[in-house]
């Protein structure tokens, strides 16, 4: 039985990706994210990435209303720098592609890991976006986080 590790920064869609992979690859053991970079150098790791403005905004609104935006952005940079350092050995999924074309994500994972997938009832796991304005989160640190995100997007 193959093992697939699903990783991602908090509020980047890791739960959605975990459900998609778990349902799409029922013959595999799927390990859920710890939101740490410690597993990014292992085999069969899938990482979902999301625009830092949206990820940080979601974090602030869902989990850490009292947390400092710059601290979250610095964590984002540390995490995604590790993604960038290990990108050639990872399967990296963009959040936007995952929510708009999850079947393509299953196909990409299937091709990269040479494991057959089965179709998934996407509506059973689809999540809605908040639709909030992210402009209040544009800081020096979130701009740095966004630059790391853009570098990763260019590489996948």
N, C-alpha and C. Protein backbone atom coordinates (compact mmCIF):
# COMPACT_ATOMS: atom_id res chain seq x y z
N UNK A 1 0.84 -1.18 0.00
CA UNK A 1 0.00 0.00 0.00
C UNK A 1 0.89 1.24 0.00
N UNK A 2 0.65 2.12 -0.93
CA UNK A 2 1.41 3.37 -1.00
C UNK A 2 0.94 4.34 0.07
N UNK A 3 1.86 5.17 0.53
CA UNK A 3 1.56 6.20 1.50
C UNK A 3 1.70 7.55 0.82
N UNK A 4 0.72 8.42 1.01
CA UNK A 4 0.75 9.77 0.49
C UNK A 4 0.64 10.71 1.68
N UNK A 5 1.53 11.69 1.73
CA UNK A 5 1.52 12.68 2.80
C UNK A 5 0.99 13.99 2.22
N UNK A 6 -0.05 14.53 2.84
CA UNK A 6 -0.65 15.79 2.41
C UNK A 6 -0.17 16.87 3.37
N UNK A 7 0.45 17.91 2.83
CA UNK A 7 0.99 19.00 3.63
C UNK A 7 0.53 20.34 3.08
N UNK A 8 0.64 21.35 3.91
CA UNK A 8 0.34 22.71 3.50
C UNK A 8 0.34 23.64 4.68
N UNK A 9 0.52 24.90 4.40
CA UNK A 9 0.44 25.92 5.42
C UNK A 9 -1.01 26.00 5.90
N UNK A 10 -1.24 26.33 7.17
CA UNK A 10 -2.63 26.44 7.65
C UNK A 10 -3.47 27.37 6.78
N UNK A 11 -4.70 26.99 6.58
CA UNK A 11 -5.70 27.76 5.82
C UNK A 11 -5.35 27.86 4.34
N UNK A 12 -4.64 26.83 3.84
CA UNK A 12 -4.28 26.79 2.43
C UNK A 12 -5.06 25.74 1.66
N UNK A 13 -5.97 25.06 2.31
CA UNK A 13 -6.77 24.04 1.64
C UNK A 13 -6.32 22.63 1.91
N UNK A 14 -5.55 22.42 2.97
CA UNK A 14 -5.04 21.08 3.25
C UNK A 14 -6.15 20.09 3.59
N UNK A 15 -7.19 20.54 4.27
CA UNK A 15 -8.29 19.63 4.59
C UNK A 15 -9.01 19.20 3.32
N UNK A 16 -9.26 20.15 2.43
CA UNK A 16 -9.89 19.83 1.15
C UNK A 16 -9.02 18.85 0.37
N UNK A 17 -7.71 19.15 0.30
CA UNK A 17 -6.79 18.27 -0.44
C UNK A 17 -6.74 16.88 0.20
N UNK A 18 -6.68 16.83 1.51
CA UNK A 18 -6.66 15.54 2.22
C UNK A 18 -7.90 14.71 1.84
N UNK A 19 -9.07 15.33 1.91
CA UNK A 19 -10.30 14.61 1.56
C UNK A 19 -10.29 14.17 0.10
N UNK A 20 -9.83 15.05 -0.78
CA UNK A 20 -9.76 14.72 -2.21
C UNK A 20 -8.84 13.53 -2.45
N UNK A 21 -7.66 13.54 -1.85
CA UNK A 21 -6.70 12.45 -2.05
C UNK A 21 -7.17 11.17 -1.36
N UNK A 22 -7.70 11.29 -0.16
CA UNK A 22 -8.19 10.11 0.58
C UNK A 22 -9.30 9.40 -0.20
N UNK A 23 -10.21 10.18 -0.76
CA UNK A 23 -11.32 9.60 -1.52
C UNK A 23 -10.89 9.16 -2.92
N UNK A 24 -9.97 9.91 -3.52
CA UNK A 24 -9.53 9.60 -4.87
C UNK A 24 -8.56 8.44 -4.96
N UNK A 25 -7.86 8.16 -3.87
CA UNK A 25 -6.88 7.07 -3.82
C UNK A 25 -7.17 6.18 -2.62
N UNK A 26 -8.30 5.47 -2.64
CA UNK A 26 -8.71 4.69 -1.46
C UNK A 26 -7.78 3.53 -1.11
N UNK A 27 -6.94 3.11 -2.05
CA UNK A 27 -6.01 2.02 -1.76
C UNK A 27 -4.72 2.51 -1.09
N UNK A 28 -4.61 3.82 -0.89
CA UNK A 28 -3.41 4.40 -0.28
C UNK A 28 -3.66 4.80 1.17
N UNK A 29 -2.60 4.79 1.93
CA UNK A 29 -2.64 5.38 3.26
C UNK A 29 -2.35 6.86 3.07
N UNK A 30 -3.25 7.71 3.54
CA UNK A 30 -3.08 9.15 3.37
C UNK A 30 -2.86 9.76 4.75
N UNK A 31 -1.74 10.44 4.90
CA UNK A 31 -1.37 11.07 6.17
C UNK A 31 -1.65 12.56 6.07
N UNK A 32 -2.37 13.07 7.07
CA UNK A 32 -2.80 14.47 7.08
C UNK A 32 -1.70 15.41 7.55
N UNK A 33 -1.77 16.61 7.11
CA UNK A 33 -0.80 17.67 7.39
C UNK A 33 -0.62 17.96 8.87
N UNK A 34 0.64 18.24 9.21
CA UNK A 34 0.95 18.78 10.53
C UNK A 34 1.24 20.27 10.42
N UNK A 35 1.16 20.81 9.23
CA UNK A 35 1.46 22.22 8.95
C UNK A 35 2.88 22.59 9.37
N UNK A 36 3.78 21.63 9.21
CA UNK A 36 5.19 21.91 9.47
C UNK A 36 5.98 21.51 8.23
N UNK A 37 7.15 22.05 8.12
CA UNK A 37 7.99 21.74 6.96
C UNK A 37 8.82 20.48 7.17
N UNK A 38 8.62 19.78 8.26
CA UNK A 38 9.49 18.65 8.60
C UNK A 38 9.37 17.46 7.65
N UNK A 39 8.27 17.32 6.94
CA UNK A 39 8.09 16.17 6.05
C UNK A 39 8.32 16.50 4.58
N UNK A 40 8.72 17.71 4.30
CA UNK A 40 8.81 18.13 2.90
C UNK A 40 9.94 17.50 2.12
N UNK A 41 10.82 16.78 2.80
CA UNK A 41 11.90 16.11 2.07
C UNK A 41 11.66 14.60 1.95
N UNK A 42 10.47 14.14 2.29
CA UNK A 42 10.12 12.73 2.17
C UNK A 42 9.53 12.44 0.79
N UNK A 43 9.35 11.15 0.47
CA UNK A 43 8.73 10.75 -0.79
C UNK A 43 7.21 10.86 -0.68
N UNK A 44 6.57 11.03 -1.84
CA UNK A 44 5.12 11.04 -1.96
C UNK A 44 4.45 12.11 -1.10
N UNK A 45 5.05 13.30 -1.08
CA UNK A 45 4.46 14.42 -0.36
C UNK A 45 3.77 15.34 -1.37
N UNK A 46 2.52 15.66 -1.06
CA UNK A 46 1.76 16.61 -1.86
C UNK A 46 1.57 17.86 -1.00
N UNK A 47 1.93 19.01 -1.55
CA UNK A 47 1.81 20.26 -0.82
C UNK A 47 0.85 21.17 -1.56
N UNK A 48 -0.13 21.69 -0.85
CA UNK A 48 -1.02 22.68 -1.44
C UNK A 48 -0.50 24.06 -1.02
N UNK A 49 -0.46 24.97 -2.00
CA UNK A 49 -0.05 26.34 -1.70
C UNK A 49 -1.17 27.29 -2.05
N UNK A 50 -1.24 28.39 -1.32
CA UNK A 50 -2.29 29.38 -1.52
C UNK A 50 -1.68 30.77 -1.41
N UNK A 51 -2.23 31.69 -2.15
CA UNK A 51 -1.85 33.09 -2.08
C UNK A 51 -1.75 33.50 -0.61
N UNK A 52 -0.60 34.06 -0.19
CA UNK A 52 -0.44 34.37 1.23
C UNK A 52 -1.45 35.37 1.77
N UNK A 53 -1.89 36.31 0.96
CA UNK A 53 -2.88 37.27 1.44
C UNK A 53 -4.16 36.54 1.85
N UNK A 54 -4.57 35.60 1.03
CA UNK A 54 -5.79 34.86 1.33
C UNK A 54 -5.58 33.88 2.47
N UNK A 55 -4.44 33.23 2.49
CA UNK A 55 -4.14 32.29 3.56
C UNK A 55 -4.05 32.99 4.91
N UNK A 56 -3.33 34.10 4.95
CA UNK A 56 -3.16 34.84 6.19
C UNK A 56 -4.49 35.45 6.63
N UNK A 57 -5.25 35.98 5.70
CA UNK A 57 -6.55 36.54 6.03
C UNK A 57 -7.46 35.47 6.61
N UNK A 58 -7.46 34.30 5.99
CA UNK A 58 -8.28 33.20 6.47
C UNK A 58 -7.83 32.79 7.88
N UNK A 59 -6.52 32.74 8.10
CA UNK A 59 -5.98 32.41 9.43
C UNK A 59 -6.49 33.40 10.47
N UNK A 60 -6.36 34.69 10.15
CA UNK A 60 -6.79 35.73 11.09
C UNK A 60 -8.28 35.63 11.39
N UNK A 61 -9.09 35.35 10.40
CA UNK A 61 -10.53 35.33 10.61
C UNK A 61 -11.04 34.03 11.21
N UNK A 62 -10.35 32.95 10.97
CA UNK A 62 -10.84 31.66 11.43
C UNK A 62 -10.20 31.19 12.73
N UNK A 63 -8.90 31.46 12.87
CA UNK A 63 -8.17 30.89 14.00
C UNK A 63 -7.59 31.95 14.92
N UNK A 64 -6.82 32.88 14.36
CA UNK A 64 -5.98 33.72 15.19
C UNK A 64 -6.29 35.20 15.13
N UNK A 65 -7.49 35.59 15.48
CA UNK A 65 -7.87 36.99 15.38
C UNK A 65 -6.91 37.91 16.12
N UNK A 66 -6.29 37.43 17.18
CA UNK A 66 -5.39 38.27 17.97
C UNK A 66 -3.93 38.13 17.56
N UNK A 67 -3.65 37.30 16.59
CA UNK A 67 -2.26 37.09 16.18
C UNK A 67 -1.79 38.20 15.25
N UNK A 68 -0.51 38.47 15.29
CA UNK A 68 0.12 39.51 14.50
C UNK A 68 0.30 39.03 13.06
N UNK A 69 -0.14 39.85 12.11
CA UNK A 69 -0.05 39.51 10.70
C UNK A 69 1.40 39.27 10.28
N UNK A 70 2.31 40.09 10.77
CA UNK A 70 3.72 39.91 10.40
C UNK A 70 4.27 38.59 10.89
N UNK A 71 3.87 38.16 12.06
CA UNK A 71 4.33 36.86 12.58
C UNK A 71 3.82 35.71 11.70
N UNK A 72 2.57 35.81 11.29
CA UNK A 72 2.01 34.77 10.41
C UNK A 72 2.72 34.79 9.06
N UNK A 73 2.99 35.98 8.54
CA UNK A 73 3.67 36.11 7.25
C UNK A 73 5.08 35.54 7.32
N UNK A 74 5.77 35.77 8.43
CA UNK A 74 7.12 35.22 8.59
C UNK A 74 7.08 33.70 8.62
N UNK A 75 6.07 33.14 9.28
CA UNK A 75 5.90 31.69 9.31
C UNK A 75 5.64 31.18 7.89
N UNK A 76 4.78 31.90 7.14
CA UNK A 76 4.50 31.55 5.75
C UNK A 76 5.80 31.51 4.95
N UNK A 77 6.63 32.52 5.11
CA UNK A 77 7.89 32.59 4.37
C UNK A 77 8.79 31.41 4.74
N UNK A 78 8.95 31.11 6.03
CA UNK A 78 9.79 29.98 6.44
C UNK A 78 9.28 28.67 5.85
N UNK A 79 7.97 28.44 5.95
CA UNK A 79 7.37 27.21 5.44
C UNK A 79 7.58 27.09 3.94
N UNK A 80 7.25 28.14 3.21
CA UNK A 80 7.30 28.07 1.75
C UNK A 80 8.72 28.15 1.19
N UNK A 81 9.64 28.69 1.95
CA UNK A 81 11.05 28.62 1.55
C UNK A 81 11.49 27.17 1.55
N UNK A 82 11.05 26.40 2.53
CA UNK A 82 11.36 24.96 2.59
C UNK A 82 10.69 24.25 1.40
N UNK A 83 9.47 24.65 1.04
CA UNK A 83 8.82 24.09 -0.15
C UNK A 83 9.68 24.37 -1.38
N UNK A 84 10.11 25.61 -1.52
CA UNK A 84 10.93 25.99 -2.68
C UNK A 84 12.24 25.21 -2.70
N UNK A 85 12.84 25.00 -1.54
CA UNK A 85 14.09 24.24 -1.47
C UNK A 85 13.93 22.78 -1.88
N UNK A 86 12.74 22.23 -1.71
CA UNK A 86 12.49 20.81 -1.99
C UNK A 86 11.54 20.59 -3.17
N UNK A 87 11.29 21.63 -3.96
CA UNK A 87 10.23 21.59 -4.95
C UNK A 87 10.38 20.48 -5.98
N UNK A 88 11.60 20.12 -6.34
CA UNK A 88 11.78 19.09 -7.35
C UNK A 88 11.30 17.71 -6.89
N UNK A 89 11.25 17.48 -5.59
CA UNK A 89 10.81 16.19 -5.07
C UNK A 89 9.38 16.18 -4.59
N UNK A 90 8.68 17.31 -4.71
CA UNK A 90 7.31 17.44 -4.21
C UNK A 90 6.29 17.47 -5.34
N UNK A 91 5.08 17.11 -5.01
CA UNK A 91 3.95 17.39 -5.88
C UNK A 91 3.28 18.62 -5.28
N UNK A 92 3.35 19.75 -5.99
CA UNK A 92 2.81 21.00 -5.47
C UNK A 92 1.52 21.31 -6.22
N UNK A 93 0.48 21.59 -5.44
CA UNK A 93 -0.84 21.88 -5.98
C UNK A 93 -1.21 23.31 -5.62
N UNK A 94 -1.62 24.09 -6.61
CA UNK A 94 -2.09 25.44 -6.35
C UNK A 94 -3.55 25.38 -5.87
N UNK A 95 -3.84 26.07 -4.80
CA UNK A 95 -5.18 26.11 -4.21
C UNK A 95 -6.24 26.42 -5.27
N UNK A 96 -5.97 27.42 -6.12
CA UNK A 96 -6.97 27.82 -7.11
C UNK A 96 -7.29 26.70 -8.08
N UNK A 97 -6.27 25.97 -8.53
CA UNK A 97 -6.50 24.85 -9.43
C UNK A 97 -7.27 23.74 -8.71
N UNK A 98 -6.92 23.53 -7.45
CA UNK A 98 -7.56 22.47 -6.68
C UNK A 98 -9.06 22.69 -6.54
N UNK A 99 -9.47 23.93 -6.28
CA UNK A 99 -10.90 24.16 -6.08
C UNK A 99 -11.66 24.32 -7.40
N UNK A 100 -10.95 24.68 -8.48
CA UNK A 100 -11.64 24.84 -9.76
C UNK A 100 -11.59 23.59 -10.63
N UNK A 101 -10.53 22.78 -10.48
CA UNK A 101 -10.38 21.59 -11.32
C UNK A 101 -9.79 20.43 -10.52
N UNK A 102 -10.52 19.94 -9.51
CA UNK A 102 -9.98 18.88 -8.65
C UNK A 102 -9.70 17.58 -9.40
N UNK A 103 -10.42 17.30 -10.47
CA UNK A 103 -10.15 16.09 -11.24
C UNK A 103 -8.77 16.16 -11.88
N UNK A 104 -8.40 17.34 -12.34
CA UNK A 104 -7.05 17.51 -12.90
C UNK A 104 -5.98 17.27 -11.83
N UNK A 105 -6.26 17.70 -10.61
CA UNK A 105 -5.33 17.45 -9.50
C UNK A 105 -5.17 15.95 -9.29
N UNK A 106 -6.28 15.21 -9.30
CA UNK A 106 -6.22 13.76 -9.15
C UNK A 106 -5.40 13.14 -10.28
N UNK A 107 -5.62 13.62 -11.50
CA UNK A 107 -4.87 13.10 -12.65
C UNK A 107 -3.37 13.38 -12.50
N UNK A 108 -3.02 14.60 -12.08
CA UNK A 108 -1.61 14.95 -11.92
C UNK A 108 -0.94 14.09 -10.85
N UNK A 109 -1.62 13.90 -9.73
CA UNK A 109 -1.07 13.06 -8.66
C UNK A 109 -0.93 11.63 -9.15
N UNK A 110 -1.95 11.15 -9.86
CA UNK A 110 -1.93 9.79 -10.41
C UNK A 110 -0.73 9.60 -11.34
N UNK A 111 -0.51 10.55 -12.23
CA UNK A 111 0.60 10.46 -13.18
C UNK A 111 1.95 10.53 -12.49
N UNK A 112 2.08 11.43 -11.54
CA UNK A 112 3.37 11.60 -10.86
C UNK A 112 3.71 10.41 -9.98
N UNK A 113 2.70 9.84 -9.30
CA UNK A 113 2.96 8.76 -8.35
C UNK A 113 2.66 7.38 -8.93
N UNK A 114 2.19 7.37 -10.18
CA UNK A 114 1.88 6.11 -10.86
C UNK A 114 0.91 5.24 -10.05
N UNK A 115 -0.17 5.88 -9.60
CA UNK A 115 -1.22 5.21 -8.83
C UNK A 115 -2.55 5.58 -9.47
N UNK A 116 -3.40 4.59 -9.70
CA UNK A 116 -4.72 4.87 -10.27
C UNK A 116 -5.60 5.58 -9.25
N UNK A 117 -6.45 6.48 -9.76
CA UNK A 117 -7.39 7.17 -8.89
C UNK A 117 -8.81 6.82 -9.30
N UNK A 118 -9.74 7.14 -8.42
CA UNK A 118 -11.15 6.99 -8.77
C UNK A 118 -11.83 8.35 -8.64
N UNK A 119 -12.89 8.53 -9.40
CA UNK A 119 -13.61 9.81 -9.37
C UNK A 119 -14.21 10.03 -7.99
N UNK A 120 -14.30 11.31 -7.62
CA UNK A 120 -14.75 11.71 -6.29
C UNK A 120 -15.95 12.62 -6.45
N UNK A 121 -16.90 12.53 -5.54
CA UNK A 121 -18.02 13.47 -5.49
C UNK A 121 -17.49 14.77 -4.89
N UNK A 122 -17.06 15.66 -5.76
CA UNK A 122 -16.40 16.89 -5.35
C UNK A 122 -17.31 17.75 -4.50
N UNK A 123 -18.60 17.79 -4.81
CA UNK A 123 -19.51 18.62 -4.04
C UNK A 123 -19.57 18.23 -2.57
N UNK A 124 -19.23 16.98 -2.28
CA UNK A 124 -19.26 16.55 -0.88
C UNK A 124 -18.10 17.13 -0.07
N UNK A 125 -17.07 17.62 -0.75
CA UNK A 125 -15.94 18.18 -0.02
C UNK A 125 -15.65 19.64 -0.38
N UNK A 126 -16.35 20.19 -1.34
CA UNK A 126 -16.08 21.56 -1.80
C UNK A 126 -16.34 22.57 -0.67
N UNK A 127 -15.43 23.53 -0.55
CA UNK A 127 -15.55 24.58 0.45
C UNK A 127 -15.74 25.92 -0.26
N UNK A 128 -16.46 26.82 0.37
CA UNK A 128 -16.67 28.15 -0.21
C UNK A 128 -15.63 29.14 0.31
N UNK A 129 -15.27 30.08 -0.52
CA UNK A 129 -14.36 31.15 -0.13
C UNK A 129 -15.11 32.20 0.70
N UNK A 130 -14.37 32.94 1.48
CA UNK A 130 -14.98 33.94 2.36
C UNK A 130 -15.42 35.19 1.61
N UNK A 131 -14.69 35.57 0.57
CA UNK A 131 -15.04 36.76 -0.18
C UNK A 131 -14.66 38.07 0.52
N UNK A 132 -13.77 38.02 1.52
CA UNK A 132 -13.37 39.22 2.24
C UNK A 132 -12.29 39.99 1.49
N UNK A 133 -12.09 41.24 1.89
CA UNK A 133 -11.06 42.11 1.32
C UNK A 133 -9.74 41.87 2.05
N UNK A 134 -8.68 41.61 1.28
CA UNK A 134 -7.38 41.29 1.87
C UNK A 134 -6.42 42.47 1.93
N UNK A 135 -6.83 43.63 1.47
CA UNK A 135 -5.89 44.74 1.34
C UNK A 135 -5.29 45.19 2.67
N UNK A 136 -5.98 44.98 3.78
CA UNK A 136 -5.44 45.40 5.08
C UNK A 136 -4.26 44.53 5.50
N UNK A 137 -3.98 43.46 4.77
CA UNK A 137 -2.89 42.57 5.13
C UNK A 137 -1.64 42.79 4.28
N UNK A 138 -1.63 43.85 3.49
CA UNK A 138 -0.46 44.13 2.66
C UNK A 138 0.56 44.86 3.52
N UNK A 139 1.60 44.11 3.93
CA UNK A 139 2.69 44.66 4.74
C UNK A 139 3.99 44.22 4.10
N UNK A 140 5.10 44.67 4.64
CA UNK A 140 6.42 44.24 4.16
C UNK A 140 6.54 42.72 4.24
N UNK A 141 6.09 42.14 5.34
CA UNK A 141 6.22 40.70 5.52
C UNK A 141 5.27 39.91 4.61
N UNK A 142 4.06 40.40 4.43
CA UNK A 142 3.16 39.67 3.53
C UNK A 142 3.60 39.82 2.07
N UNK A 143 4.24 40.94 1.74
CA UNK A 143 4.78 41.08 0.38
C UNK A 143 5.90 40.07 0.15
N UNK A 144 6.74 39.87 1.17
CA UNK A 144 7.80 38.85 1.06
C UNK A 144 7.18 37.47 0.89
N UNK A 145 6.13 37.20 1.67
CA UNK A 145 5.43 35.92 1.56
C UNK A 145 4.88 35.73 0.15
N UNK A 146 4.32 36.79 -0.42
CA UNK A 146 3.76 36.71 -1.77
C UNK A 146 4.84 36.44 -2.81
N UNK A 147 6.04 36.99 -2.63
CA UNK A 147 7.13 36.74 -3.56
C UNK A 147 7.54 35.27 -3.54
N UNK A 148 7.57 34.66 -2.37
CA UNK A 148 7.87 33.23 -2.25
C UNK A 148 6.79 32.42 -2.98
N UNK A 149 5.53 32.78 -2.77
CA UNK A 149 4.40 32.12 -3.44
C UNK A 149 4.57 32.19 -4.96
N UNK A 150 4.91 33.36 -5.49
CA UNK A 150 5.07 33.52 -6.93
C UNK A 150 6.22 32.67 -7.46
N UNK A 151 7.30 32.55 -6.70
CA UNK A 151 8.42 31.71 -7.13
C UNK A 151 8.00 30.25 -7.24
N UNK A 152 7.21 29.81 -6.28
CA UNK A 152 6.73 28.42 -6.32
C UNK A 152 5.81 28.21 -7.50
N UNK A 153 4.87 29.12 -7.71
CA UNK A 153 3.93 29.01 -8.84
C UNK A 153 4.68 28.91 -10.16
N UNK A 154 5.76 29.64 -10.31
CA UNK A 154 6.55 29.58 -11.54
C UNK A 154 7.19 28.22 -11.75
N UNK A 155 7.44 27.50 -10.66
CA UNK A 155 8.16 26.24 -10.73
C UNK A 155 7.26 25.03 -10.90
N UNK A 156 5.95 25.20 -10.72
CA UNK A 156 5.07 24.01 -10.83
C UNK A 156 4.40 23.95 -12.17
